[in-house]
Protein backbone atom coordinates (compact mmCIF):
# COMPACT_ATOMS: atom_id res chain seq x y z
CA MET A 1 -16.92 29.80 9.51
CA THR A 2 -14.72 28.89 6.51
CA VAL A 3 -13.45 25.19 6.25
CA SER A 4 -10.09 26.16 4.52
CA SER A 5 -7.23 27.36 6.68
CA ALA A 6 -4.15 29.38 5.75
CA ASN A 7 -1.85 26.64 6.72
CA VAL A 8 -3.45 23.96 4.38
CA PRO A 9 -1.47 23.94 1.25
CA THR A 10 -2.79 23.53 -2.35
CA LEU A 11 -1.41 20.30 -3.78
CA ARG A 12 -0.46 20.25 -7.44
CA GLY A 13 0.03 17.45 -9.81
CA ALA A 14 0.45 16.93 -13.57
CA ARG A 15 -3.31 16.87 -14.26
CA VAL A 16 -5.05 17.58 -11.09
CA THR A 17 -4.83 20.17 -8.20
CA LEU A 18 -6.10 19.75 -4.78
CA ARG A 19 -7.12 23.06 -3.20
CA PRO A 20 -8.68 23.54 0.30
CA MET A 21 -12.52 23.23 0.15
CA THR A 22 -14.65 26.17 1.59
CA HIS A 23 -18.31 26.63 2.16
CA ALA A 24 -18.54 28.30 -1.25
CA ASP A 25 -17.92 24.89 -2.71
CA ALA A 26 -21.14 23.38 -1.31
CA PRO A 27 -23.05 23.45 -4.64
CA HIS A 28 -20.35 21.10 -6.05
CA LEU A 29 -20.99 18.60 -3.28
CA VAL A 30 -24.72 18.82 -3.94
CA ARG A 31 -24.36 18.27 -7.60
CA TRP A 32 -22.00 15.30 -7.32
CA ALA A 33 -24.34 13.65 -4.63
CA ASN A 34 -27.23 13.93 -7.03
CA ASP A 35 -25.41 11.57 -9.53
CA PRO A 36 -26.80 8.00 -9.06
CA ASP A 37 -23.65 6.30 -10.17
CA PHE A 38 -21.43 8.36 -7.99
CA THR A 39 -23.54 7.90 -4.86
CA TRP A 40 -23.90 4.20 -5.34
CA TYR A 41 -20.20 3.45 -5.69
CA GLN A 42 -19.24 6.11 -3.08
CA TRP A 43 -21.60 5.22 -0.35
CA GLY A 44 -24.23 2.67 -1.49
CA ARG A 45 -26.75 5.35 -1.37
CA ARG A 46 -29.42 6.90 -3.62
CA PRO A 47 -28.91 10.36 -4.91
CA GLY A 48 -29.57 13.19 -2.49
CA ARG A 49 -27.16 12.71 0.40
CA PHE A 50 -26.72 16.48 0.33
CA PRO A 51 -30.15 17.83 -0.40
CA ASP A 52 -28.90 21.44 -0.18
CA ASP A 53 -25.97 23.66 0.33
CA ALA A 54 -26.61 23.76 4.07
CA ALA A 55 -26.39 19.94 4.33
CA ALA A 56 -23.10 20.06 2.40
CA ARG A 57 -21.69 22.72 4.59
CA LYS A 58 -22.57 20.78 7.67
CA TRP A 59 -20.80 17.69 6.47
CA MET A 60 -17.63 19.80 5.74
CA ASP A 61 -17.85 21.17 9.37
CA VAL A 62 -18.19 17.71 10.80
CA ILE A 63 -15.11 16.45 8.97
CA VAL A 64 -13.11 19.44 10.07
CA ASN A 65 -14.28 20.00 13.63
CA GLU A 66 -15.23 16.58 14.85
CA HIS A 67 -12.82 14.44 12.92
CA ARG A 68 -9.86 16.71 12.89
CA GLY A 69 -9.78 16.57 9.12
CA VAL A 70 -9.24 18.64 5.99
CA ILE A 71 -11.20 18.51 2.69
CA PHE A 72 -9.81 19.46 -0.60
CA VAL A 73 -11.49 20.05 -3.93
CA ILE A 74 -10.02 18.13 -6.87
CA GLU A 75 -9.70 20.26 -9.94
CA HIS A 76 -8.93 19.20 -13.47
CA GLU A 77 -8.41 21.60 -16.37
CA GLY A 78 -9.52 24.42 -14.06
CA ARG A 79 -12.87 22.97 -12.88
CA PRO A 80 -13.95 21.09 -9.66
CA ILE A 81 -14.43 17.41 -10.35
CA GLY A 82 -14.45 15.73 -6.92
CA GLN A 83 -13.23 15.81 -3.39
CA ALA A 84 -10.52 14.28 -1.22
CA ASN A 85 -10.09 14.45 2.45
CA TYR A 86 -8.16 13.19 5.45
CA ARG A 87 -9.50 12.84 8.95
CA ASN A 88 -8.72 11.31 12.36
CA LEU A 89 -5.10 12.36 12.13
CA GLN A 90 -3.42 10.64 15.13
CA ALA A 91 -0.17 12.21 16.36
CA LYS A 92 0.97 9.31 18.49
CA GLY A 93 0.09 6.64 16.09
CA LYS A 94 1.11 8.77 12.98
CA SER A 95 -1.90 7.57 11.05
CA ALA A 96 -4.92 9.09 9.24
CA GLU A 97 -7.95 7.94 7.18
CA VAL A 98 -8.52 9.24 3.80
CA GLY A 99 -11.67 9.45 1.44
CA ILE A 100 -11.85 10.34 -2.28
CA GLY A 101 -14.27 10.57 -4.95
CA ILE A 102 -14.43 11.79 -8.53
CA GLY A 103 -17.91 13.19 -8.78
CA GLU A 104 -18.23 12.99 -12.61
CA PRO A 105 -18.53 9.44 -13.81
CA ALA A 106 -17.52 10.50 -17.25
CA LEU A 107 -14.03 11.04 -15.95
CA TRP A 108 -13.67 7.68 -14.20
CA GLY A 109 -11.01 5.34 -15.53
CA LYS A 110 -8.67 8.04 -16.52
CA GLY A 111 -6.38 7.89 -13.65
CA LEU A 112 -7.37 11.36 -12.08
CA GLY A 113 -8.47 9.81 -8.74
CA ARG A 114 -5.25 7.91 -8.57
CA GLU A 115 -3.20 11.00 -9.15
CA ALA A 116 -5.30 12.89 -6.53
CA LEU A 117 -4.86 10.14 -3.96
CA GLY A 118 -1.15 10.06 -4.61
CA LEU A 119 -0.87 13.87 -3.93
CA LEU A 120 -2.93 13.48 -0.75
CA VAL A 121 -0.79 10.61 0.61
CA ARG A 122 2.45 12.33 -0.27
CA HIS A 123 1.33 15.41 1.60
CA LEU A 124 0.36 13.12 4.65
CA VAL A 125 3.57 11.25 4.56
CA ASP A 126 6.07 13.90 3.59
CA ASP A 127 4.70 16.95 5.19
CA LEU A 128 2.67 15.70 8.13
CA ARG A 129 4.97 12.66 8.87
CA VAL A 130 2.11 10.09 8.82
CA HIS A 131 3.24 6.46 8.75
CA ARG A 132 -0.08 4.73 8.05
CA VAL A 133 -2.90 5.92 5.76
CA THR A 134 -6.20 3.85 5.69
CA LEU A 135 -9.32 3.95 3.68
CA SER A 136 -12.59 1.97 3.24
CA VAL A 137 -14.27 1.22 -0.11
CA LEU A 138 -17.32 -0.87 -1.03
CA ALA A 139 -16.46 -4.23 -2.31
CA PHE A 140 -18.49 -3.75 -5.41
CA ASN A 141 -16.42 -0.67 -6.42
CA ASP A 142 -13.75 -2.92 -8.13
CA ARG A 143 -12.49 0.12 -10.29
CA ALA A 144 -11.66 2.04 -7.14
CA ILE A 145 -10.03 -1.01 -5.50
CA ALA A 146 -7.76 -1.46 -8.39
CA SER A 147 -6.83 2.16 -8.53
CA TYR A 148 -5.98 2.21 -4.78
CA LYS A 149 -3.85 -0.92 -5.15
CA ALA A 150 -1.95 0.78 -8.00
CA ALA A 151 -1.40 3.74 -5.62
CA GLY A 152 0.26 1.39 -3.11
CA PHE A 153 -2.64 0.48 -0.80
CA GLU A 154 -3.01 -3.14 0.26
CA VAL A 155 -6.22 -4.97 1.26
CA GLU A 156 -6.01 -5.85 4.95
CA GLY A 157 -9.47 -7.29 5.28
CA ILE A 158 -13.11 -7.45 4.35
CA GLU A 159 -16.10 -6.46 6.72
CA ARG A 160 -18.69 -8.92 5.64
CA ASP A 161 -22.02 -7.10 5.31
CA GLY A 162 -20.40 -4.02 6.68
CA VAL A 163 -22.71 -1.51 4.96
CA MET A 164 -26.46 -1.45 4.52
CA THR A 165 -27.16 0.15 1.29
CA ASP A 166 -30.14 2.35 0.41
CA LYS A 167 -31.44 -0.52 -1.80
CA GLY A 168 -32.01 -2.64 1.33
CA THR A 169 -29.05 -4.95 0.69
CA TRP A 170 -25.87 -5.53 2.62
CA ALA A 171 -22.56 -4.72 1.05
CA ASP A 172 -19.06 -5.81 2.09
CA ASP A 173 -16.64 -3.03 3.16
CA VAL A 174 -13.02 -3.51 2.07
CA LYS A 175 -10.32 -2.13 4.50
CA MET A 176 -7.12 -0.99 2.83
CA ALA A 177 -3.98 0.80 4.08
CA TYR A 178 -0.73 2.43 2.68
CA VAL A 179 2.15 1.80 5.17
CA VAL A 180 5.48 3.77 4.73
CA GLY A 181 8.35 1.34 3.88
CA ARG A 182 6.17 -1.51 2.62
CA ALA A 183 7.42 -2.27 -0.99
CA ARG A 184 5.18 -3.60 -3.61
CA PRO A 185 6.07 -7.28 -4.50
CA GLN A 186 8.21 -7.62 -7.64
CA PHE A 187 5.66 -10.26 -8.82
CA ASP A 188 2.16 -8.75 -8.43
CA PRO A 189 -0.51 -9.45 -11.05
CA ARG A 190 -3.26 -6.91 -11.12
CA PRO A 191 -6.15 -5.85 -13.30
CA VAL A 192 -4.78 -4.79 -16.73
CA THR A 193 -5.85 -4.55 -20.33
CA LEU A 194 -3.90 -6.86 -22.62
CA THR A 195 -4.41 -6.14 -26.33
CA GLY A 196 -3.47 -8.38 -29.25
CA THR A 197 -4.33 -8.35 -33.05
CA HIS A 198 -7.45 -10.51 -32.71
CA VAL A 199 -8.49 -10.28 -29.04
CA ARG A 200 -8.37 -7.83 -26.13
CA LEU A 201 -8.48 -8.98 -22.44
CA GLU A 202 -10.07 -6.37 -20.15
CA PRO A 203 -10.55 -6.36 -16.42
CA LEU A 204 -13.87 -8.24 -15.77
CA ARG A 205 -16.47 -6.20 -14.01
CA ARG A 206 -19.95 -6.83 -12.49
CA GLU A 207 -21.69 -4.80 -15.26
CA HIS A 208 -20.27 -7.29 -17.86
CA ALA A 209 -22.71 -9.95 -16.84
CA ALA A 210 -25.56 -9.00 -19.12
CA ASP A 211 -23.34 -8.82 -22.25
CA LEU A 212 -21.38 -11.99 -21.29
CA PHE A 213 -24.45 -14.08 -20.52
CA ALA A 214 -25.35 -14.57 -24.14
CA VAL A 215 -21.97 -16.15 -24.66
CA ALA A 216 -21.74 -18.14 -21.37
CA HIS A 217 -25.23 -19.74 -21.44
CA GLU A 218 -24.15 -22.79 -23.26
CA GLU A 219 -24.18 -26.37 -21.71
CA ASP A 220 -21.01 -27.33 -23.58
CA ILE A 221 -18.85 -24.73 -21.79
CA TRP A 222 -19.83 -25.77 -18.26
CA ARG A 223 -20.10 -29.54 -18.79
CA LEU A 224 -16.63 -30.12 -17.01
CA PHE A 225 -16.51 -27.04 -15.04
CA LEU A 226 -16.72 -27.25 -11.21
CA VAL A 227 -19.79 -25.00 -11.01
CA PRO A 228 -23.00 -25.32 -13.00
CA MET A 229 -24.01 -23.34 -15.96
CA PRO A 230 -25.61 -19.85 -15.14
CA ARG A 231 -29.21 -20.09 -15.85
CA ASP A 232 -29.80 -16.41 -15.89
CA VAL A 233 -27.90 -13.09 -15.70
CA GLY A 234 -28.24 -13.14 -11.92
CA ASP A 235 -26.36 -16.50 -11.78
CA LEU A 236 -23.59 -15.05 -13.91
CA GLU A 237 -23.37 -11.92 -11.73
CA ARG A 238 -22.86 -14.05 -8.66
CA TRP A 239 -20.18 -16.02 -10.58
CA ILE A 240 -18.31 -12.73 -11.40
CA ASN A 241 -18.80 -11.53 -7.87
CA VAL A 242 -16.97 -14.61 -6.54
CA ALA A 243 -14.07 -13.87 -9.05
CA LEU A 244 -13.85 -10.34 -8.00
CA GLU A 245 -13.91 -11.14 -4.32
CA GLU A 246 -10.86 -13.34 -4.96
CA GLN A 247 -9.41 -10.46 -6.87
CA ILE A 248 -9.89 -8.08 -3.94
CA LEU A 249 -7.95 -10.61 -1.78
CA GLY A 250 -5.19 -10.80 -4.48
CA THR A 251 -5.55 -14.48 -5.30
CA GLN A 252 -7.03 -13.95 -8.77
CA VAL A 253 -7.26 -11.48 -11.70
CA ALA A 254 -10.19 -11.96 -13.95
CA PHE A 255 -10.65 -10.88 -17.55
CA ILE A 256 -13.46 -10.54 -20.05
CA THR A 257 -12.20 -11.52 -23.64
CA ARG A 258 -13.38 -9.45 -26.36
CA ARG A 259 -12.97 -9.58 -30.12
CA ILE A 260 -10.96 -6.72 -31.57
CA SER A 261 -12.83 -6.42 -34.79
CA ASP A 262 -16.20 -5.47 -33.25
CA GLY A 263 -15.55 -5.33 -29.48
CA ALA A 264 -17.99 -8.26 -28.83
CA PRO A 265 -17.53 -10.24 -25.62
CA ILE A 266 -16.40 -13.86 -26.57
CA GLY A 267 -15.49 -15.33 -23.26
CA SER A 268 -13.52 -15.04 -20.02
CA THR A 269 -10.27 -16.11 -18.40
CA ARG A 270 -8.31 -15.58 -15.17
CA PHE A 271 -4.91 -15.61 -13.32
CA LEU A 272 -5.48 -17.89 -10.33
CA HIS A 273 -3.43 -19.14 -7.43
CA ILE A 274 -1.16 -16.04 -7.54
CA ASP A 275 1.95 -16.83 -5.38
CA ARG A 276 3.78 -13.50 -5.18
CA ALA A 277 6.71 -14.86 -3.17
CA ASN A 278 7.53 -17.59 -5.51
CA LYS A 279 6.47 -15.79 -8.68
CA THR A 280 4.06 -18.35 -10.00
CA ALA A 281 0.46 -18.22 -11.23
CA GLU A 282 -2.18 -20.35 -12.81
CA ILE A 283 -4.03 -19.44 -16.06
CA GLY A 284 -7.53 -20.87 -15.83
CA TRP A 285 -11.33 -20.63 -15.62
CA THR A 286 -11.11 -19.94 -19.37
CA PHE A 287 -14.17 -20.35 -21.64
CA LEU A 288 -14.98 -19.09 -25.16
CA GLY A 289 -18.37 -18.90 -26.85
CA ARG A 290 -19.27 -21.23 -29.63
CA ASP A 291 -18.36 -18.71 -32.44
CA ALA A 292 -14.85 -18.16 -30.89
CA ARG A 293 -13.86 -21.71 -30.45
CA ARG A 294 -11.47 -23.30 -32.91
CA THR A 295 -10.36 -19.71 -33.95
CA VAL A 296 -7.12 -17.80 -33.13
CA ALA A 297 -8.88 -16.36 -30.05
CA ASN A 298 -7.66 -18.92 -27.39
CA THR A 299 -4.11 -19.05 -28.81
CA GLU A 300 -3.78 -15.19 -28.71
CA ALA A 301 -5.34 -14.83 -25.36
CA LYS A 302 -2.99 -17.34 -23.79
CA TYR A 303 -0.10 -15.63 -25.51
CA LEU A 304 -1.02 -12.27 -23.97
CA GLN A 305 -1.42 -13.72 -20.59
CA LEU A 306 1.81 -15.61 -20.76
CA ARG A 307 3.76 -12.78 -22.12
CA HIS A 308 2.46 -10.50 -19.37
CA LEU A 309 3.29 -12.91 -16.59
CA PHE A 310 6.77 -13.74 -17.98
CA ASP A 311 7.95 -10.63 -19.65
CA ASP A 312 6.18 -7.85 -17.76
CA LEU A 313 5.91 -9.39 -14.24
CA GLY A 314 8.97 -11.83 -14.18
CA ALA A 315 7.09 -15.00 -13.40
CA HIS A 316 9.19 -18.10 -12.64
CA ARG A 317 6.52 -20.61 -13.59
CA VAL A 318 2.96 -20.50 -15.01
CA TRP A 319 0.75 -23.49 -14.89
CA LEU A 320 -2.62 -24.69 -16.16
CA GLN A 321 -4.81 -27.51 -15.23
CA THR A 322 -8.01 -29.24 -16.46
CA ASP A 323 -10.29 -32.11 -15.91
CA LYS A 324 -8.70 -35.44 -16.97
CA LEU A 325 -11.98 -35.95 -18.96
CA ASN A 326 -11.42 -32.86 -20.94
CA ASP A 327 -9.32 -34.07 -23.82
CA ARG A 328 -10.05 -31.04 -25.93
CA SER A 329 -8.55 -28.80 -23.25
CA GLN A 330 -5.50 -30.98 -22.74
CA ARG A 331 -4.76 -30.98 -26.48
CA ALA A 332 -4.96 -27.23 -26.50
CA MET A 333 -2.41 -26.86 -23.61
CA GLU A 334 -0.01 -29.30 -25.41
CA ARG A 335 -0.48 -27.40 -28.74
CA LEU A 336 0.92 -24.29 -26.97
CA GLY A 337 3.98 -26.07 -25.72
CA ALA A 338 3.01 -26.57 -22.12
CA ILE A 339 4.54 -29.63 -20.46
CA LYS A 340 2.38 -32.15 -18.72
CA GLU A 341 3.60 -32.54 -15.24
CA GLY A 342 1.25 -35.08 -13.68
CA GLU A 343 -2.14 -35.69 -12.30
CA LEU A 344 -3.71 -34.55 -8.95
CA ARG A 345 -6.03 -37.56 -8.17
CA ASP A 346 -9.41 -36.82 -6.63
CA ASP A 347 -8.45 -33.14 -6.55
CA ARG A 348 -11.73 -31.28 -6.78
CA ILE A 349 -15.41 -31.98 -6.10
CA SER A 350 -17.66 -30.87 -9.03
CA HIS A 351 -21.05 -29.20 -8.56
CA ASP A 352 -22.65 -32.56 -9.44
CA GLY A 353 -20.79 -34.45 -6.76
CA ARG A 354 -18.20 -36.08 -9.10
CA VAL A 355 -14.76 -36.13 -7.66
CA ARG A 356 -12.42 -34.81 -10.47
CA THR A 357 -8.87 -35.77 -11.24
CA SER A 358 -6.91 -32.71 -12.51
CA VAL A 359 -4.24 -32.91 -15.16
CA VAL A 360 -1.45 -30.29 -14.65
CA TYR A 361 0.72 -28.61 -17.27
CA GLY A 362 3.51 -26.17 -16.65
CA ILE A 363 5.61 -23.69 -18.43
CA THR A 364 8.83 -22.44 -16.66
CA ARG A 365 10.91 -19.29 -17.39
CA ALA A 366 13.38 -21.62 -19.19
CA ASP A 367 10.55 -23.03 -21.31
CA TRP A 368 9.17 -19.64 -22.22
CA PRO A 369 11.47 -18.67 -25.10
CA SER A 370 10.70 -21.82 -26.94
CA VAL A 371 6.88 -21.64 -26.12
CA ARG A 372 6.87 -17.96 -27.16
CA ALA A 373 8.36 -18.90 -30.45
CA ARG A 374 5.90 -21.72 -30.87
CA ILE A 375 2.86 -19.73 -30.20
CA GLY A 376 4.25 -16.90 -32.45
CA GLY A 377 4.44 -19.50 -35.29
CA LEU A 378 0.77 -20.45 -34.57
CA LEU A 379 -0.37 -16.97 -34.76
CA ALA A 380 1.44 -16.28 -37.90
CA ARG A 381 -0.36 -18.87 -39.79
């Protein structure tokens, strides 16, 4: 039996082509399934899901015959680099489930998977008249989640401990869907790289914990934070996991701050309390290591964040808040031109049980031109 069919088209994009997979492609699946990074992020498994060509061919037949699906080989520059498939095509509900994987980690982050997914969704929607396309992705695969969101998929829920990995740990399974006619919000902060002259803000990832720990392991940073100082890399990994879970749900976007001159990590910052309907967000959870404080780093990082929110995304208001006891942070906000708007009394419970009063500062769209000029002047010094 051959998996491909004469009525399955080849889908062509600018950089990738999706052609129907056949049994002759089994060695590609075996090769990809032996890459430890691919198998972990794709399935939460160790290498060897397809131990031989026969196992790969059996998987193809199951997708086609039992799940009413079609599998494509993703090609880039004339060579196979991954697979994409759809299955469980429902005529009455006009729905289908998709799966996709770039089998060569060296090509991750280059937009090839996003383009392939776009071709597949366009085929389902335009040619097969599908109204709803769903997919599942492991919660720790934040690169894929960001790519799927950029392709128009929205998070609909998280199955807690939905997958048992080959490492004996549970992983959350994120459910996402693309629905025809649902437009992306006008104000929609997402993971992005923001580059200045002195610092670069990159999407924060779980693998950054080891490098960032050397910067974050400092009592002075966490003295007035709501959570305790991470005592080891594992603590920082858990702190990052919480940030990325909120990012999955769309309430936060987390960054690692790097120095341009040498690429070294010097801190972290986030967008929080993202309100898409009202076009507002908070900038917070900001910290810098000892060597980066009282330098241009914080000023430029805030400028990059504010410029992205106001100029790129069209924010109406951006706000900041800090502990009332944190005079240094308050002076820094005022130095940027943010307006003190008031205090939220007994607003937060700190990790040590202290009930914190928060001081709130705001910058509106009307304020932004003068704040932008003010920060520009500080950066020019």
